[in-house]
Amino acid sequence: MLYELIKWLNEVTNIPGLGAFDFITTRTAFAAATALIISLIIGKKIIIWLRRMQLKEVIRDDIGLKTHLSKEGTPTMGGVIIILSIVIPAFLWMRLDNIYTWMIIFVVLVLGTVGFIDDYIKVVKKNKSGLHGWFKIIGQVLVGIVIGAILYFWPAFAEYNTLTTVPFLKEVHIDYAFFGDEYAWLIYIPVVIFIITAVSNSANLTDGLDGLLSGTSAIAGVILGIFAYVSGRVDFSSFLNIMYLPGTGELTIFVASLVGGCLGFLWYNSYPAQVFMGDTGSLALGGAIGALAVMIHKELLLPIICGIFLVEAASVIIQTTWFKYTKRKFGEGRRVFLMTPIHHHFEKQGWPESKIVVRFWIVAILLGIISLLTLKLR
């Protein structure tokens, strides 16, 4: 909205300097700054309000980590800070006539609402189980259906709607139209549903230590923002020999809001955390990252970009599967890890929480660099 106002003023008054806001890079910088300022300013006020309303974290008795008992009473549902600091700058600085703007904001708001309901049930209704897992899945599937349907059926995307880039291979794409264009949507839309659901839930599992998810999400966001920017420019996409996707440059502005919001939230969420994001933030962040990858046709890079999320989710799946198998076969369940998600395994080994988080950030940065190398190493 602010961009539209500045554009109108530039046309009417021709004030020197206003034309700079036509550039995505300018609006990206302002979006990041706006998100950071909003999260820092409203963050403290929301934390105070959460404390006043007694919306505090309830630590489950069976968690098995005594160090986490001290977290009891820390305000939760702080994901509201992240969502506000993402959505407000996005509306201010993104073009409102761009379909990507509305799609990505839709993802954040819907999944943020699902997470908010889950946190509300846990904190206000005192039901530690929260929202039933099936209701979360329904919300994620709904988002996947909407995003998948738009990306497939929207006329402007017809030329490349079923294509996705294969990392490290030059001019090689996977076409979801395996059985012809007529039935391609039967494959493409379920793939989109799976990706958004998987990344959203993986992010939710990653949110277990102070600053872990907000930091890794910011790192993943920076990488996806770079891909969105170069994919949306004819010159860069031609030079790098990647798929040209008109309009995706606007997603760079959204990513700047996401990164700025995460960094501002990290001010309060770093160890020892003054507030937790809860499912309100984790589901929204994970869903947004998954949707971004789909929109820029880089979903096959997600295992690298979101490697931390993948390992966290895989550890839970491996632990659960092996425990059930050994219990059925030997009568007693056995574990692969001391505790899952895997960050708790390292806690059980005696690693300090802050060391685990920083080392996971380092790994996330390395994975991000590897992802960027795919632009040229093909």
Protein backbone atom coordinates (compact mmCIF):
# COMPACT_ATOMS: atom_id res chain seq x y z
CA MET A 1 0.00 0.00 0.00
CA LEU A 2 2.80 2.41 0.85
CA TYR A 3 4.50 1.48 -2.42
CA GLU A 4 1.32 2.32 -4.34
CA LEU A 5 1.12 5.69 -2.56
CA ILE A 6 4.77 6.53 -3.31
CA LYS A 7 4.30 5.47 -6.93
CA TRP A 8 1.29 7.80 -7.23
CA LEU A 9 3.20 10.68 -5.62
CA ASN A 10 6.09 10.13 -8.03
CA GLU A 11 3.72 10.33 -11.01
CA VAL A 12 1.92 13.43 -9.71
CA THR A 13 4.73 15.44 -8.12
CA ASN A 14 7.88 13.99 -9.70
CA ILE A 15 9.78 14.46 -6.43
CA PRO A 16 13.45 13.43 -6.89
CA GLY A 17 14.28 10.06 -5.33
CA LEU A 18 10.80 8.57 -5.27
CA GLY A 19 11.53 6.67 -8.46
CA ALA A 20 13.98 4.50 -6.50
CA PHE A 21 11.02 2.68 -4.95
CA ASP A 22 10.26 1.10 -8.30
CA PHE A 23 13.33 -1.04 -7.74
CA ILE A 24 12.86 -4.30 -5.87
CA THR A 25 16.18 -3.88 -4.09
CA THR A 26 15.06 -0.58 -2.54
CA ARG A 27 11.77 -1.99 -1.33
CA THR A 28 13.52 -5.13 -0.07
CA ALA A 29 15.78 -3.03 2.15
CA PHE A 30 12.86 -0.98 3.47
CA ALA A 31 10.80 -4.13 4.09
CA ALA A 32 13.60 -5.73 6.12
CA ALA A 33 14.09 -2.56 8.16
CA THR A 34 10.34 -2.14 8.69
CA ALA A 35 9.95 -5.74 9.84
CA LEU A 36 12.88 -5.47 12.22
CA ILE A 37 11.62 -2.23 13.74
CA ILE A 38 8.07 -3.53 14.10
CA SER A 39 9.19 -6.76 15.78
CA LEU A 40 11.47 -4.89 18.19
CA ILE A 41 8.88 -2.27 19.10
CA ILE A 42 5.75 -4.40 19.36
CA GLY A 43 7.65 -7.43 20.62
CA LYS A 44 8.18 -6.00 24.09
CA LYS A 45 4.58 -4.78 24.29
CA ILE A 46 3.18 -8.16 23.23
CA ILE A 47 5.41 -9.99 25.73
CA ILE A 48 4.10 -7.74 28.52
CA TRP A 49 0.52 -8.38 27.35
CA LEU A 50 1.10 -12.15 27.21
CA ARG A 51 2.41 -12.10 30.77
CA ARG A 52 -0.55 -10.03 31.93
CA MET A 53 -2.96 -12.49 30.29
CA GLN A 54 -1.09 -15.43 31.85
CA LEU A 55 -0.45 -16.95 28.40
CA LYS A 56 2.57 -18.91 29.54
CA GLU A 57 4.34 -22.05 28.41
CA VAL A 58 3.28 -25.28 30.09
CA ILE A 59 6.10 -27.84 30.22
CA ARG A 60 4.92 -31.42 29.96
CA ASP A 61 5.89 -33.60 32.90
CA ASP A 62 7.04 -36.41 30.61
CA ILE A 63 9.44 -34.33 28.52
CA GLY A 64 12.44 -35.94 30.23
CA LEU A 65 14.64 -32.83 30.35
CA LYS A 66 15.05 -31.22 33.75
CA THR A 67 16.76 -28.18 32.21
CA HIS A 68 13.50 -27.32 30.44
CA LEU A 69 11.52 -27.14 33.69
CA SER A 70 12.98 -23.66 34.22
CA LYS A 71 11.19 -22.56 31.04
CA GLU A 72 7.84 -23.06 32.74
CA GLY A 73 5.94 -19.78 32.79
CA THR A 74 7.72 -18.18 29.82
CA PRO A 75 5.15 -16.34 27.65
CA THR A 76 4.20 -18.26 24.51
CA MET A 77 2.14 -17.51 21.38
CA GLY A 78 4.88 -15.02 20.48
CA GLY A 79 4.47 -16.08 16.88
CA VAL A 80 1.99 -13.21 16.71
CA ILE A 81 5.05 -10.92 16.76
CA ILE A 82 6.54 -12.69 13.76
CA ILE A 83 3.30 -12.73 11.77
CA LEU A 84 2.64 -9.01 12.32
CA SER A 85 6.22 -8.10 11.45
CA ILE A 86 5.97 -10.13 8.23
CA VAL A 87 2.49 -9.25 7.01
CA ILE A 88 2.54 -5.49 7.70
CA PRO A 89 5.79 -4.77 5.76
CA ALA A 90 4.67 -7.14 3.00
CA PHE A 91 1.46 -5.16 2.54
CA LEU A 92 3.36 -1.89 2.70
CA TRP A 93 6.14 -2.65 0.23
CA MET A 94 4.97 -5.44 -2.10
CA ARG A 95 2.96 -4.78 -5.24
CA LEU A 96 -0.68 -5.57 -4.52
CA ASP A 97 -1.38 -6.37 -8.17
CA ASN A 98 1.03 -9.31 -8.03
CA ILE A 99 -0.56 -12.74 -7.44
CA TYR A 100 2.50 -13.94 -5.50
CA THR A 101 1.84 -11.26 -2.88
CA TRP A 102 -1.60 -12.58 -2.05
CA MET A 103 -0.60 -16.24 -2.19
CA ILE A 104 2.27 -15.99 0.28
CA ILE A 105 0.34 -13.76 2.69
CA PHE A 106 -2.56 -16.25 2.52
CA VAL A 107 -0.17 -19.04 3.57
CA VAL A 108 1.16 -17.10 6.57
CA LEU A 109 -2.26 -15.97 7.82
CA VAL A 110 -4.02 -19.33 7.48
CA LEU A 111 -1.27 -21.46 9.01
CA GLY A 112 -0.65 -18.81 11.64
CA THR A 113 -4.33 -19.05 12.56
CA VAL A 114 -4.14 -22.85 12.80
CA GLY A 115 -1.11 -22.54 15.07
CA PHE A 116 -2.82 -19.85 17.16
CA ILE A 117 -5.81 -22.12 17.76
CA ASP A 118 -3.45 -24.91 18.83
CA ASP A 119 -1.62 -22.61 21.25
CA TYR A 120 -4.93 -21.24 22.56
CA ILE A 121 -6.16 -24.73 23.41
CA LYS A 122 -2.88 -25.57 25.15
CA VAL A 123 -2.46 -22.33 27.09
CA VAL A 124 -5.96 -20.99 27.71
CA LYS A 125 -7.96 -24.22 27.80
CA LYS A 126 -5.10 -25.96 29.67
CA ASN A 127 -5.22 -28.94 27.30
CA LYS A 128 -1.59 -29.96 26.84
CA SER A 129 -2.44 -32.00 23.73
CA GLY A 130 -3.54 -28.88 21.87
CA LEU A 131 -5.38 -28.98 18.58
CA HIS A 132 -5.93 -32.50 17.29
CA GLY A 133 -3.30 -33.43 14.73
CA TRP A 134 -5.90 -34.07 12.05
CA PHE A 135 -7.19 -30.52 12.27
CA LYS A 136 -3.65 -29.21 11.71
CA ILE A 137 -3.31 -31.47 8.70
CA ILE A 138 -6.64 -30.24 7.32
CA GLY A 139 -5.43 -26.63 7.56
CA GLN A 140 -2.14 -27.47 5.86
CA VAL A 141 -3.88 -29.47 3.13
CA LEU A 142 -6.30 -26.60 2.52
CA VAL A 143 -3.39 -24.21 2.03
CA GLY A 144 -1.66 -26.69 -0.26
CA ILE A 145 -4.78 -27.13 -2.39
CA VAL A 146 -5.26 -23.36 -2.81
CA ILE A 147 -1.60 -22.66 -3.63
CA GLY A 148 -1.28 -25.69 -5.89
CA ALA A 149 -4.49 -24.86 -7.78
CA ILE A 150 -3.46 -21.24 -8.35
CA LEU A 151 0.03 -22.16 -9.53
CA TYR A 152 -1.40 -24.76 -11.89
CA PHE A 153 -4.53 -23.10 -13.26
CA TRP A 154 -3.54 -19.39 -13.23
CA PRO A 155 -3.13 -18.45 -16.93
CA ALA A 156 0.11 -16.52 -16.40
CA PHE A 157 1.81 -19.68 -15.09
CA ALA A 158 0.70 -21.98 -17.92
CA GLU A 159 4.10 -22.06 -19.64
CA TYR A 160 6.00 -23.53 -16.68
CA ASN A 161 3.38 -24.57 -14.11
CA THR A 162 4.37 -28.25 -13.98
CA LEU A 163 8.13 -27.80 -14.25
CA THR A 164 10.65 -27.85 -11.43
CA THR A 165 14.40 -27.32 -11.46
CA VAL A 166 16.75 -30.27 -10.84
CA PRO A 167 19.74 -29.14 -8.70
CA PHE A 168 23.26 -29.53 -10.13
CA LEU A 169 21.96 -30.51 -13.60
CA LYS A 170 22.12 -27.93 -16.39
CA GLU A 171 18.89 -27.29 -18.32
CA VAL A 172 17.24 -30.34 -16.75
CA HIS A 173 13.73 -30.04 -15.36
CA ILE A 174 11.20 -32.49 -14.00
CA ASP A 175 7.77 -32.18 -15.56
CA TYR A 176 4.91 -33.33 -13.34
CA ALA A 177 2.86 -33.99 -16.47
CA PHE A 178 4.00 -37.62 -16.51
CA PHE A 179 0.71 -38.85 -17.93
CA GLY A 180 -0.07 -35.88 -20.14
CA ASP A 181 -1.12 -32.29 -19.48
CA GLU A 182 -4.72 -33.29 -18.89
CA TYR A 183 -3.93 -35.15 -15.69
CA ALA A 184 -0.87 -33.19 -14.53
CA TRP A 185 -2.82 -31.38 -11.80
CA LEU A 186 -3.58 -34.75 -10.17
CA ILE A 187 0.15 -35.07 -9.52
CA TYR A 188 1.18 -31.45 -9.11
CA ILE A 189 -1.36 -30.35 -6.49
CA PRO A 190 -0.72 -33.35 -4.16
CA VAL A 191 3.02 -32.62 -4.44
CA VAL A 192 2.41 -29.01 -3.35
CA ILE A 193 0.22 -30.24 -0.48
CA PHE A 194 2.95 -32.64 0.65
CA ILE A 195 5.71 -30.01 0.50
CA ILE A 196 3.83 -27.34 2.45
CA THR A 197 2.61 -29.86 5.04
CA ALA A 198 6.01 -31.50 5.43
CA VAL A 199 8.02 -28.28 5.80
CA SER A 200 5.43 -26.76 8.13
CA ASN A 201 5.46 -29.78 10.44
CA SER A 202 9.24 -30.09 10.26
CA ALA A 203 9.60 -26.47 11.33
CA ASN A 204 7.21 -27.16 14.18
CA LEU A 205 9.45 -30.03 15.36
CA THR A 206 12.54 -27.82 15.08
CA ASP A 207 11.05 -25.25 17.45
CA GLY A 208 12.36 -26.77 20.67
CA LEU A 209 15.30 -24.63 21.74
CA ASP A 210 15.64 -20.89 22.27
CA GLY A 211 16.35 -19.19 18.95
CA LEU A 212 16.73 -22.40 16.94
CA LEU A 213 13.80 -22.05 14.56
CA SER A 214 13.88 -18.26 14.23
CA GLY A 215 17.57 -18.38 13.32
CA THR A 216 17.39 -21.29 10.86
CA SER A 217 14.25 -19.84 9.26
CA ALA A 218 16.02 -16.52 8.67
CA ILE A 219 18.94 -18.35 7.02
CA ALA A 220 16.62 -20.39 4.78
CA GLY A 221 14.72 -17.21 3.96
CA VAL A 222 17.85 -15.40 2.77
CA ILE A 223 18.68 -18.27 0.39
CA LEU A 224 15.15 -18.46 -1.02
CA GLY A 225 15.09 -14.69 -1.38
CA ILE A 226 18.21 -14.77 -3.54
CA PHE A 227 16.68 -17.49 -5.74
CA ALA A 228 13.43 -15.52 -6.03
CA TYR A 229 15.29 -12.36 -7.07
CA VAL A 230 17.49 -13.91 -9.76
CA SER A 231 14.59 -16.03 -11.09
CA GLY A 232 12.46 -12.92 -11.53
CA ARG A 233 15.03 -11.06 -13.64
CA VAL A 234 15.52 -11.77 -17.32
CA ASP A 235 19.21 -10.84 -17.30
CA PHE A 236 20.20 -12.84 -14.22
CA SER A 237 18.14 -15.91 -15.12
CA SER A 238 19.62 -15.88 -18.62
CA PHE A 239 23.18 -15.50 -17.33
CA LEU A 240 22.73 -18.25 -14.74
CA ASN A 241 20.80 -20.38 -17.22
CA ILE A 242 17.86 -20.92 -14.85
CA MET A 243 14.12 -20.79 -15.34
CA TYR A 244 12.82 -17.22 -15.78
CA LEU A 245 9.76 -16.65 -13.58
CA PRO A 246 8.15 -13.23 -14.12
CA GLY A 247 6.95 -11.58 -10.95
CA THR A 248 8.86 -13.70 -8.42
CA GLY A 249 11.07 -10.73 -7.62
CA GLU A 250 8.26 -9.45 -5.39
CA LEU A 251 8.78 -12.52 -3.19
CA THR A 252 12.21 -11.09 -2.35
CA ILE A 253 10.40 -8.32 -0.49
CA PHE A 254 8.34 -10.86 1.43
CA VAL A 255 11.49 -12.78 2.32
CA ALA A 256 13.08 -9.55 3.58
CA SER A 257 10.06 -9.10 5.87
CA LEU A 258 10.38 -12.71 7.05
CA VAL A 259 14.09 -12.37 7.77
CA GLY A 260 13.67 -9.01 9.49
CA GLY A 261 10.79 -10.35 11.57
CA CYS A 262 12.76 -13.44 12.60
CA LEU A 263 15.81 -11.40 13.58
CA GLY A 264 13.68 -8.99 15.58
CA PHE A 265 11.96 -11.89 17.30
CA LEU A 266 15.36 -13.45 17.98
CA TRP A 267 16.14 -10.38 20.11
CA TYR A 268 13.61 -11.71 22.62
CA ASN A 269 13.81 -15.41 21.76
CA SER A 270 17.58 -15.94 22.10
CA TYR A 271 18.78 -17.88 25.14
CA PRO A 272 17.36 -17.48 27.73
CA ALA A 273 14.14 -16.78 25.86
CA GLN A 274 11.76 -14.09 27.05
CA VAL A 275 9.05 -15.47 24.78
CA PHE A 276 8.33 -18.58 22.69
CA MET A 277 6.78 -18.42 19.23
CA GLY A 278 4.59 -21.49 19.76
CA ASP A 279 2.78 -23.18 16.89
CA THR A 280 1.49 -19.74 15.89
CA GLY A 281 4.90 -18.90 14.53
CA SER A 282 6.39 -22.30 13.67
CA LEU A 283 3.55 -23.49 11.42
CA ALA A 284 3.42 -20.13 9.62
CA LEU A 285 7.19 -19.96 9.08
CA GLY A 286 7.47 -23.54 7.86
CA GLY A 287 4.49 -23.19 5.56
CA ALA A 288 5.83 -19.94 4.10
CA ILE A 289 9.24 -21.46 3.41
CA GLY A 290 7.69 -24.49 1.73
CA ALA A 291 5.35 -22.33 -0.35
CA LEU A 292 8.20 -20.03 -1.39
CA ALA A 293 10.21 -22.98 -2.69
CA VAL A 294 7.22 -24.20 -4.70
CA MET A 295 6.50 -20.77 -6.16
CA ILE A 296 10.06 -20.36 -7.45
CA HIS A 297 10.19 -24.01 -8.62
CA LYS A 298 13.08 -24.92 -6.31
CA GLU A 299 11.29 -27.52 -4.19
CA LEU A 300 13.94 -30.16 -4.93
CA LEU A 301 16.44 -27.92 -3.14
CA LEU A 302 14.44 -27.96 0.09
CA PRO A 303 16.30 -30.98 1.56
CA ILE A 304 19.46 -28.85 1.37
CA ILE A 305 18.07 -25.41 2.17
CA CYS A 306 15.99 -26.82 5.04
CA GLY A 307 18.43 -29.57 5.96
CA ILE A 308 18.03 -28.84 9.67
CA PHE A 309 14.26 -29.22 9.42
CA LEU A 310 14.70 -32.48 7.49
CA VAL A 311 17.07 -34.01 10.05
CA GLU A 312 14.80 -32.97 12.95
CA ALA A 313 11.77 -34.60 11.32
CA ALA A 314 13.74 -37.68 10.18
CA SER A 315 15.00 -38.26 13.72
CA VAL A 316 11.43 -38.39 15.01
CA ILE A 317 10.31 -40.75 12.22
CA ILE A 318 13.31 -43.07 12.74
CA GLN A 319 12.87 -43.11 16.51
CA THR A 320 9.14 -43.82 16.36
CA THR A 321 9.41 -46.46 13.64
CA TRP A 322 12.28 -48.33 15.32
CA PHE A 323 10.61 -48.18 18.74
CA LYS A 324 7.37 -49.66 17.39
CA TYR A 325 9.21 -52.33 15.38
CA THR A 326 11.40 -53.50 18.28
CA LYS A 327 8.47 -53.47 20.68
CA ARG A 328 6.48 -55.68 18.33
CA LYS A 329 9.42 -58.01 17.69
CA PHE A 330 11.15 -58.14 21.08
CA GLY A 331 8.36 -57.03 23.41
CA GLU A 332 10.32 -53.98 24.46
CA GLY A 333 10.76 -50.77 22.49
CA ARG A 334 14.32 -49.67 21.73
CA ARG A 335 15.61 -46.23 20.79
CA VAL A 336 18.11 -45.01 18.21
CA PHE A 337 18.50 -41.59 19.83
CA LEU A 338 18.47 -40.62 23.49
CA MET A 339 15.53 -38.35 22.71
CA THR A 340 13.92 -36.75 19.69
CA PRO A 341 13.74 -34.35 17.90
CA ILE A 342 17.49 -34.67 17.55
CA HIS A 343 18.35 -31.39 19.28
CA HIS A 344 17.12 -33.03 22.50
CA HIS A 345 19.50 -35.95 21.84
CA PHE A 346 22.42 -33.54 22.09
CA GLU A 347 20.95 -32.00 25.23
CA LYS A 348 20.83 -35.47 26.77
CA GLN A 349 24.51 -35.83 25.88
CA GLY A 350 25.24 -32.76 27.95
CA TRP A 351 25.62 -30.09 25.27
CA PRO A 352 24.57 -26.61 26.49
CA GLU A 353 21.45 -25.33 24.75
CA SER A 354 23.13 -22.24 23.33
CA LYS A 355 25.95 -24.35 21.82
CA ILE A 356 23.47 -26.66 20.08
CA VAL A 357 21.61 -23.69 18.60
CA VAL A 358 24.72 -21.91 17.32
CA ARG A 359 26.11 -25.11 15.80
CA PHE A 360 22.81 -25.81 14.07
CA TRP A 361 22.90 -22.24 12.70
CA ILE A 362 26.41 -22.89 11.35
CA VAL A 363 25.24 -26.08 9.63
CA ALA A 364 22.25 -24.19 8.19
CA ILE A 365 24.59 -21.52 6.77
CA LEU A 366 26.80 -24.18 5.16
CA LEU A 367 23.75 -25.85 3.62
CA GLY A 368 22.61 -22.45 2.35
CA ILE A 369 25.97 -21.87 0.66
CA ILE A 370 25.75 -25.31 -0.98
CA SER A 371 22.27 -24.40 -2.23
CA LEU A 372 23.57 -21.19 -3.81
CA LEU A 373 26.38 -23.11 -5.48
CA THR A 374 23.77 -24.98 -7.51
CA LEU A 375 23.31 -21.78 -9.50
CA LYS A 376 26.68 -22.32 -11.16
CA LEU A 377 27.84 -25.86 -10.36
CA ARG A 378 25.79 -27.60 -13.01
